[in-house]
Amino acid sequence: MAQAGKPVTHSSLQSLLWGPERGSQREHLRVLISTLRKKLEDDPAHPVYLMTHSHFGYFFRAAHTAATQ
């Protein structure tokens, strides 16, 4: 997890997932993140691993960092 803790922009994720020609898929990205949280998090409503960086994107919090929260 070399990139853990480093936020990734919404547009970068969208481009990686659906390609640059697809335009804005912000709602699709939110649904995908929600689905991932349901699989990864003990309580998806209060995530500790897959975090939102407000108005920017998302980041993955390393397990050892999340355990101290």
PDB file of N, CA and C in Angstrom:
ATOM      1  N   MET A   1       0.819  -1.183   0.000  1.00  0.00           N
ATOM      2  CA  MET A   1       0.000   0.000   0.000  1.00  0.00           C
ATOM      3  C   MET A   1       0.869   1.257   0.000  1.00  0.00           C
ATOM      4  N   ALA A   2       1.685   1.402  -0.988  1.00  0.00           N
ATOM      5  CA  ALA A   2       2.579   2.546  -1.071  1.00  0.00           C
ATOM      6  C   ALA A   2       1.822   3.866  -1.199  1.00  0.00           C
ATOM      7  N   GLN A   3       0.622   3.840  -1.746  1.00  0.00           N
ATOM      8  CA  GLN A   3      -0.161   5.064  -1.955  1.00  0.00           C
ATOM      9  C   GLN A   3      -1.142   5.342  -0.824  1.00  0.00           C
ATOM     10  N   ALA A   4      -1.167   4.509   0.208  1.00  0.00           N
ATOM     11  CA  ALA A   4      -2.108   4.710   1.316  1.00  0.00           C
ATOM     12  C   ALA A   4      -1.924   6.100   1.920  1.00  0.00           C
ATOM     13  N   GLY A   5      -3.049   6.767   2.155  1.00  0.00           N
ATOM     14  CA  GLY A   5      -3.023   8.095   2.742  1.00  0.00           C
ATOM     15  C   GLY A   5      -2.913   9.227   1.744  1.00  0.00           C
ATOM     16  N   LYS A   6      -2.614   8.917   0.493  1.00  0.00           N
ATOM     17  CA  LYS A   6      -2.489   9.954  -0.530  1.00  0.00           C
ATOM     18  C   LYS A   6      -3.816  10.077  -1.277  1.00  0.00           C
ATOM     19  N   PRO A   7      -4.449  11.245  -1.213  1.00  0.00           N
ATOM     20  CA  PRO A   7      -5.740  11.403  -1.895  1.00  0.00           C
ATOM     21  C   PRO A   7      -5.603  11.344  -3.407  1.00  0.00           C
ATOM     22  N   VAL A   8      -6.634  10.771  -4.034  1.00  0.00           N
ATOM     23  CA  VAL A   8      -6.717  10.685  -5.488  1.00  0.00           C
ATOM     24  C   VAL A   8      -7.950  11.477  -5.903  1.00  0.00           C
ATOM     25  N   THR A   9      -7.803  12.325  -6.892  1.00  0.00           N
ATOM     26  CA  THR A   9      -8.911  13.186  -7.305  1.00  0.00           C
ATOM     27  C   THR A   9     -10.046  12.380  -7.932  1.00  0.00           C
ATOM     28  N   HIS A  10     -11.234  12.966  -7.850  1.00  0.00           N
ATOM     29  CA  HIS A  10     -12.399  12.361  -8.500  1.00  0.00           C
ATOM     30  C   HIS A  10     -12.112  12.137  -9.984  1.00  0.00           C
ATOM     31  N   SER A  11     -11.593  13.155 -10.651  1.00  0.00           N
ATOM     32  CA  SER A  11     -11.366  13.054 -12.095  1.00  0.00           C
ATOM     33  C   SER A  11     -10.325  11.994 -12.445  1.00  0.00           C
ATOM     34  N   SER A  12      -9.297  11.832 -11.612  1.00  0.00           N
ATOM     35  CA  SER A  12      -8.296  10.788 -11.868  1.00  0.00           C
ATOM     36  C   SER A  12      -8.919   9.401 -11.758  1.00  0.00           C
ATOM     37  N   LEU A  13      -9.722   9.198 -10.723  1.00  0.00           N
ATOM     38  CA  LEU A  13     -10.392   7.907 -10.562  1.00  0.00           C
ATOM     39  C   LEU A  13     -11.346   7.631 -11.720  1.00  0.00           C
ATOM     40  N   GLN A  14     -12.124   8.633 -12.092  1.00  0.00           N
ATOM     41  CA  GLN A  14     -13.063   8.483 -13.202  1.00  0.00           C
ATOM     42  C   GLN A  14     -12.336   8.129 -14.485  1.00  0.00           C
ATOM     43  N   SER A  15     -11.227   8.791 -14.734  1.00  0.00           N
ATOM     44  CA  SER A  15     -10.453   8.537 -15.942  1.00  0.00           C
ATOM     45  C   SER A  15      -9.878   7.120 -15.940  1.00  0.00           C
ATOM     46  N   LEU A  16      -9.371   6.681 -14.785  1.00  0.00           N
ATOM     47  CA  LEU A  16      -8.828   5.325 -14.679  1.00  0.00           C
ATOM     48  C   LEU A  16      -9.903   4.256 -14.845  1.00  0.00           C
ATOM     49  N   LEU A  17     -11.075   4.518 -14.310  1.00  0.00           N
ATOM     50  CA  LEU A  17     -12.151   3.527 -14.341  1.00  0.00           C
ATOM     51  C   LEU A  17     -12.902   3.481 -15.664  1.00  0.00           C
ATOM     52  N   TRP A  18     -13.236   4.643 -16.214  1.00  0.00           N
ATOM     53  CA  TRP A  18     -14.105   4.691 -17.379  1.00  0.00           C
ATOM     54  C   TRP A  18     -13.486   5.355 -18.586  1.00  0.00           C
ATOM     55  N   GLY A  19     -12.250   5.814 -18.469  1.00  0.00           N
ATOM     56  CA  GLY A  19     -11.567   6.455 -19.585  1.00  0.00           C
ATOM     57  C   GLY A  19     -11.836   7.945 -19.645  1.00  0.00           C
ATOM     58  N   PRO A  20     -10.902   8.688 -20.201  1.00  0.00           N
ATOM     59  CA  PRO A  20     -11.021  10.151 -20.230  1.00  0.00           C
ATOM     60  C   PRO A  20     -12.157  10.651 -21.120  1.00  0.00           C
ATOM     61  N   GLU A  21     -12.580   9.852 -22.076  1.00  0.00           N
ATOM     62  CA  GLU A  21     -13.606  10.298 -23.011  1.00  0.00           C
ATOM     63  C   GLU A  21     -15.030  10.194 -22.455  1.00  0.00           C
ATOM     64  N   ARG A  22     -15.171   9.594 -21.296  1.00  0.00           N
ATOM     65  CA  ARG A  22     -16.510   9.385 -20.725  1.00  0.00           C
ATOM     66  C   ARG A  22     -17.068  10.618 -20.026  1.00  0.00           C
ATOM     67  N   GLY A  23     -16.257  11.615 -19.759  1.00  0.00           N
ATOM     68  CA  GLY A  23     -16.736  12.817 -19.085  1.00  0.00           C
ATOM     69  C   GLY A  23     -16.972  12.570 -17.604  1.00  0.00           C
ATOM     70  N   SER A  24     -17.809  13.379 -17.007  1.00  0.00           N
ATOM     71  CA  SER A  24     -18.054  13.301 -15.569  1.00  0.00           C
ATOM     72  C   SER A  24     -18.973  12.141 -15.223  1.00  0.00           C
ATOM     73  N   GLN A  25     -18.504  11.281 -14.364  1.00  0.00           N
ATOM     74  CA  GLN A  25     -19.278  10.145 -13.868  1.00  0.00           C
ATOM     75  C   GLN A  25     -19.307  10.199 -12.349  1.00  0.00           C
ATOM     76  N   ARG A  26     -19.425  11.395 -11.793  1.00  0.00           N
ATOM     77  CA  ARG A  26     -19.306  11.592 -10.353  1.00  0.00           C
ATOM     78  C   ARG A  26     -20.297  10.731  -9.566  1.00  0.00           C
ATOM     79  N   GLU A  27     -21.544  10.661 -10.011  1.00  0.00           N
ATOM     80  CA  GLU A  27     -22.539   9.848  -9.302  1.00  0.00           C
ATOM     81  C   GLU A  27     -22.192   8.367  -9.402  1.00  0.00           C
ATOM     82  N   HIS A  28     -21.702   7.927 -10.533  1.00  0.00           N
ATOM     83  CA  HIS A  28     -21.283   6.533 -10.689  1.00  0.00           C
ATOM     84  C   HIS A  28     -20.129   6.215  -9.742  1.00  0.00           C
ATOM     85  N   LEU A  29     -19.225   7.174  -9.600  1.00  0.00           N
ATOM     86  CA  LEU A  29     -18.090   6.995  -8.696  1.00  0.00           C
ATOM     87  C   LEU A  29     -18.567   6.878  -7.249  1.00  0.00           C
ATOM     88  N   ARG A  30     -19.536   7.704  -6.857  1.00  0.00           N
ATOM     89  CA  ARG A  30     -20.088   7.627  -5.491  1.00  0.00           C
ATOM     90  C   ARG A  30     -20.718   6.271  -5.228  1.00  0.00           C
ATOM     91  N   VAL A  31     -21.436   5.743  -6.209  1.00  0.00           N
ATOM     92  CA  VAL A  31     -22.063   4.422  -6.059  1.00  0.00           C
ATOM     93  C   VAL A  31     -20.990   3.349  -5.916  1.00  0.00           C
ATOM     94  N   LEU A  32     -19.945   3.424  -6.726  1.00  0.00           N
ATOM     95  CA  LEU A  32     -18.853   2.458  -6.639  1.00  0.00           C
ATOM     96  C   LEU A  32     -18.172   2.517  -5.271  1.00  0.00           C
ATOM     97  N   ILE A  33     -17.887   3.706  -4.781  1.00  0.00           N
ATOM     98  CA  ILE A  33     -17.250   3.864  -3.471  1.00  0.00           C
ATOM     99  C   ILE A  33     -18.164   3.305  -2.382  1.00  0.00           C
ATOM    100  N   SER A  34     -19.456   3.556  -2.480  1.00  0.00           N
ATOM    101  CA  SER A  34     -20.417   3.027  -1.517  1.00  0.00           C
ATOM    102  C   SER A  34     -20.403   1.499  -1.515  1.00  0.00           C
ATOM    103  N   THR A  35     -20.364   0.905  -2.694  1.00  0.00           N
ATOM    104  CA  THR A  35     -20.319  -0.558  -2.815  1.00  0.00           C
ATOM    105  C   THR A  35     -19.032  -1.109  -2.203  1.00  0.00           C
ATOM    106  N   LEU A  36     -17.909  -0.455  -2.476  1.00  0.00           N
ATOM    107  CA  LEU A  36     -16.631  -0.893  -1.906  1.00  0.00           C
ATOM    108  C   LEU A  36     -16.644  -0.786  -0.380  1.00  0.00           C
ATOM    109  N   ARG A  37     -17.229   0.286   0.138  1.00  0.00           N
ATOM    110  CA  ARG A  37     -17.304   0.451   1.593  1.00  0.00           C
ATOM    111  C   ARG A  37     -18.140  -0.650   2.225  1.00  0.00           C
ATOM    112  N   LYS A  38     -19.208  -1.058   1.575  1.00  0.00           N
ATOM    113  CA  LYS A  38     -20.048  -2.144   2.103  1.00  0.00           C
ATOM    114  C   LYS A  38     -19.257  -3.440   2.205  1.00  0.00           C
ATOM    115  N   LYS A  39     -18.292  -3.626   1.320  1.00  0.00           N
ATOM    116  CA  LYS A  39     -17.476  -4.840   1.330  1.00  0.00           C
ATOM    117  C   LYS A  39     -16.275  -4.744   2.273  1.00  0.00           C
ATOM    118  N   LEU A  40     -15.712  -3.538   2.426  1.00  0.00           N
ATOM    119  CA  LEU A  40     -14.483  -3.359   3.198  1.00  0.00           C
ATOM    120  C   LEU A  40     -14.693  -2.967   4.655  1.00  0.00           C
ATOM    121  N   GLU A  41     -15.703  -2.174   4.907  1.00  0.00           N
ATOM    122  CA  GLU A  41     -15.871  -1.556   6.217  1.00  0.00           C
ATOM    123  C   GLU A  41     -16.779  -2.374   7.134  1.00  0.00           C
ATOM    124  N   ASP A  42     -16.488  -2.357   8.430  1.00  0.00           N
ATOM    125  CA  ASP A  42     -17.388  -2.964   9.406  1.00  0.00           C
ATOM    126  C   ASP A  42     -18.689  -2.169   9.484  1.00  0.00           C
ATOM    127  N   ASP A  43     -18.584  -0.851   9.410  1.00  0.00           N
ATOM    128  CA  ASP A  43     -19.736   0.050   9.428  1.00  0.00           C
ATOM    129  C   ASP A  43     -19.572   1.038   8.281  1.00  0.00           C
ATOM    130  N   PRO A  44     -20.157   0.738   7.115  1.00  0.00           N
ATOM    131  CA  PRO A  44     -19.967   1.604   5.944  1.00  0.00           C
ATOM    132  C   PRO A  44     -20.397   3.058   6.158  1.00  0.00           C
ATOM    133  N   ALA A  45     -21.308   3.297   7.078  1.00  0.00           N
ATOM    134  CA  ALA A  45     -21.742   4.666   7.349  1.00  0.00           C
ATOM    135  C   ALA A  45     -20.679   5.472   8.087  1.00  0.00           C
ATOM    136  N   HIS A  46     -19.739   4.764   8.707  1.00  0.00           N
ATOM    137  CA  HIS A  46     -18.639   5.401   9.434  1.00  0.00           C
ATOM    138  C   HIS A  46     -17.327   4.740   9.005  1.00  0.00           C
ATOM    139  N   PRO A  47     -16.880   5.031   7.786  1.00  0.00           N
ATOM    140  CA  PRO A  47     -15.701   4.357   7.241  1.00  0.00           C
ATOM    141  C   PRO A  47     -14.418   4.690   7.995  1.00  0.00           C
ATOM    142  N   VAL A  48     -13.534   3.716   8.040  1.00  0.00           N
ATOM    143  CA  VAL A  48     -12.213   3.927   8.634  1.00  0.00           C
ATOM    144  C   VAL A  48     -11.093   3.628   7.632  1.00  0.00           C
ATOM    145  N   TYR A  49     -11.412   2.995   6.519  1.00  0.00           N
ATOM    146  CA  TYR A  49     -10.397   2.648   5.526  1.00  0.00           C
ATOM    147  C   TYR A  49     -10.522   3.473   4.244  1.00  0.00           C
ATOM    148  N   LEU A  50     -11.675   3.462   3.628  1.00  0.00           N
ATOM    149  CA  LEU A  50     -11.885   4.174   2.368  1.00  0.00           C
ATOM    150  C   LEU A  50     -12.518   5.522   2.689  1.00  0.00           C
ATOM    151  N   MET A  51     -11.675   6.548   2.695  1.00  0.00           N
ATOM    152  CA  MET A  51     -12.062   7.858   3.204  1.00  0.00           C
ATOM    153  C   MET A  51     -12.312   8.870   2.083  1.00  0.00           C
ATOM    154  N   THR A  52     -13.194   9.808   2.360  1.00  0.00           N
ATOM    155  CA  THR A  52     -13.477  10.901   1.441  1.00  0.00           C
ATOM    156  C   THR A  52     -12.608  12.096   1.812  1.00  0.00           C
ATOM    157  N   HIS A  53     -11.988  12.672   0.830  1.00  0.00           N
ATOM    158  CA  HIS A  53     -11.264  13.931   0.996  1.00  0.00           C
ATOM    159  C   HIS A  53     -12.182  14.979   0.374  1.00  0.00           C
ATOM    160  N   SER A  54     -12.874  15.725   1.200  1.00  0.00           N
ATOM    161  CA  SER A  54     -13.943  16.617   0.781  1.00  0.00           C
ATOM    162  C   SER A  54     -13.561  17.508  -0.397  1.00  0.00           C
ATOM    163  N   HIS A  55     -14.434  17.527  -1.406  1.00  0.00           N
ATOM    164  CA  HIS A  55     -14.288  18.349  -2.617  1.00  0.00           C
ATOM    165  C   HIS A  55     -13.021  18.033  -3.407  1.00  0.00           C
ATOM    166  N   PHE A  56     -12.444  16.859  -3.188  1.00  0.00           N
ATOM    167  CA  PHE A  56     -11.208  16.510  -3.886  1.00  0.00           C
ATOM    168  C   PHE A  56     -11.271  15.099  -4.460  1.00  0.00           C
ATOM    169  N   GLY A  57     -11.494  14.107  -3.592  1.00  0.00           N
ATOM    170  CA  GLY A  57     -11.493  12.727  -4.038  1.00  0.00           C
ATOM    171  C   GLY A  57     -11.563  11.772  -2.869  1.00  0.00           C
ATOM    172  N   TYR A  58     -10.781  10.715  -2.953  1.00  0.00           N
ATOM    173  CA  TYR A  58     -10.794   9.667  -1.939  1.00  0.00           C
ATOM    174  C   TYR A  58      -9.371   9.239  -1.622  1.00  0.00           C
ATOM    175  N   PHE A  59      -9.212   8.614  -0.439  1.00  0.00           N
ATOM    176  CA  PHE A  59      -7.927   8.016  -0.108  1.00  0.00           C
ATOM    177  C   PHE A  59      -8.161   6.793   0.756  1.00  0.00           C
ATOM    178  N   PHE A  60      -7.196   5.894   0.726  1.00  0.00           N
ATOM    179  CA  PHE A  60      -7.250   4.674   1.513  1.00  0.00           C
ATOM    180  C   PHE A  60      -6.373   4.858   2.731  1.00  0.00           C
ATOM    181  N   ARG A  61      -6.966   4.686   3.892  1.00  0.00           N
ATOM    182  CA  ARG A  61      -6.216   4.820   5.139  1.00  0.00           C
ATOM    183  C   ARG A  61      -5.604   3.450   5.461  1.00  0.00           C
ATOM    184  N   ALA A  62      -4.327   3.428   5.727  1.00  0.00           N
ATOM    185  CA  ALA A  62      -3.616   2.196   6.053  1.00  0.00           C
ATOM    186  C   ALA A  62      -4.225   1.547   7.305  1.00  0.00           C
ATOM    187  N   ALA A  63      -4.204   0.230   7.370  1.00  0.00           N
ATOM    188  CA  ALA A  63      -4.814  -0.522   8.471  1.00  0.00           C
ATOM    189  C   ALA A  63      -4.241  -0.115   9.825  1.00  0.00           C
ATOM    190  N   HIS A  64      -2.921   0.076   9.916  1.00  0.00           N
ATOM    191  CA  HIS A  64      -2.336   0.421  11.211  1.00  0.00           C
ATOM    192  C   HIS A  64      -2.752   1.829  11.648  1.00  0.00           C
ATOM    193  N   THR A  65      -3.007   2.733  10.700  1.00  0.00           N
ATOM    194  CA  THR A  65      -3.482   4.070  11.036  1.00  0.00           C
ATOM    195  C   THR A  65      -4.941   4.021  11.469  1.00  0.00           C
ATOM    196  N   ALA A  66      -5.751   3.230  10.769  1.00  0.00           N
ATOM    197  CA  ALA A  66      -7.166   3.127  11.080  1.00  0.00           C
ATOM    198  C   ALA A  66      -7.377   2.469  12.447  1.00  0.00           C
ATOM    199  N   ALA A  67      -6.514   1.565  12.824  1.00  0.00           N
ATOM    200  CA  ALA A  67      -6.651   0.858  14.098  1.00  0.00           C
ATOM    201  C   ALA A  67      -6.478   1.798  15.285  1.00  0.00           C
ATOM    202  N   THR A  68      -5.769   2.897  15.092  1.00  0.00           N
ATOM    203  CA  THR A  68      -5.541   3.831  16.192  1.00  0.00           C
ATOM    204  C   THR A  68      -6.653   4.860  16.305  1.00  0.00           C
ATOM    205  N   GLN A  69      -7.594   4.858  15.364  1.00  0.00           N
ATOM    206  CA  GLN A  69      -8.688   5.838  15.381  1.00  0.00           C
ATOM    207  C   GLN A  69      -9.766   5.448  16.354  1.00  0.00           C
TER     208      GLN A  69
END
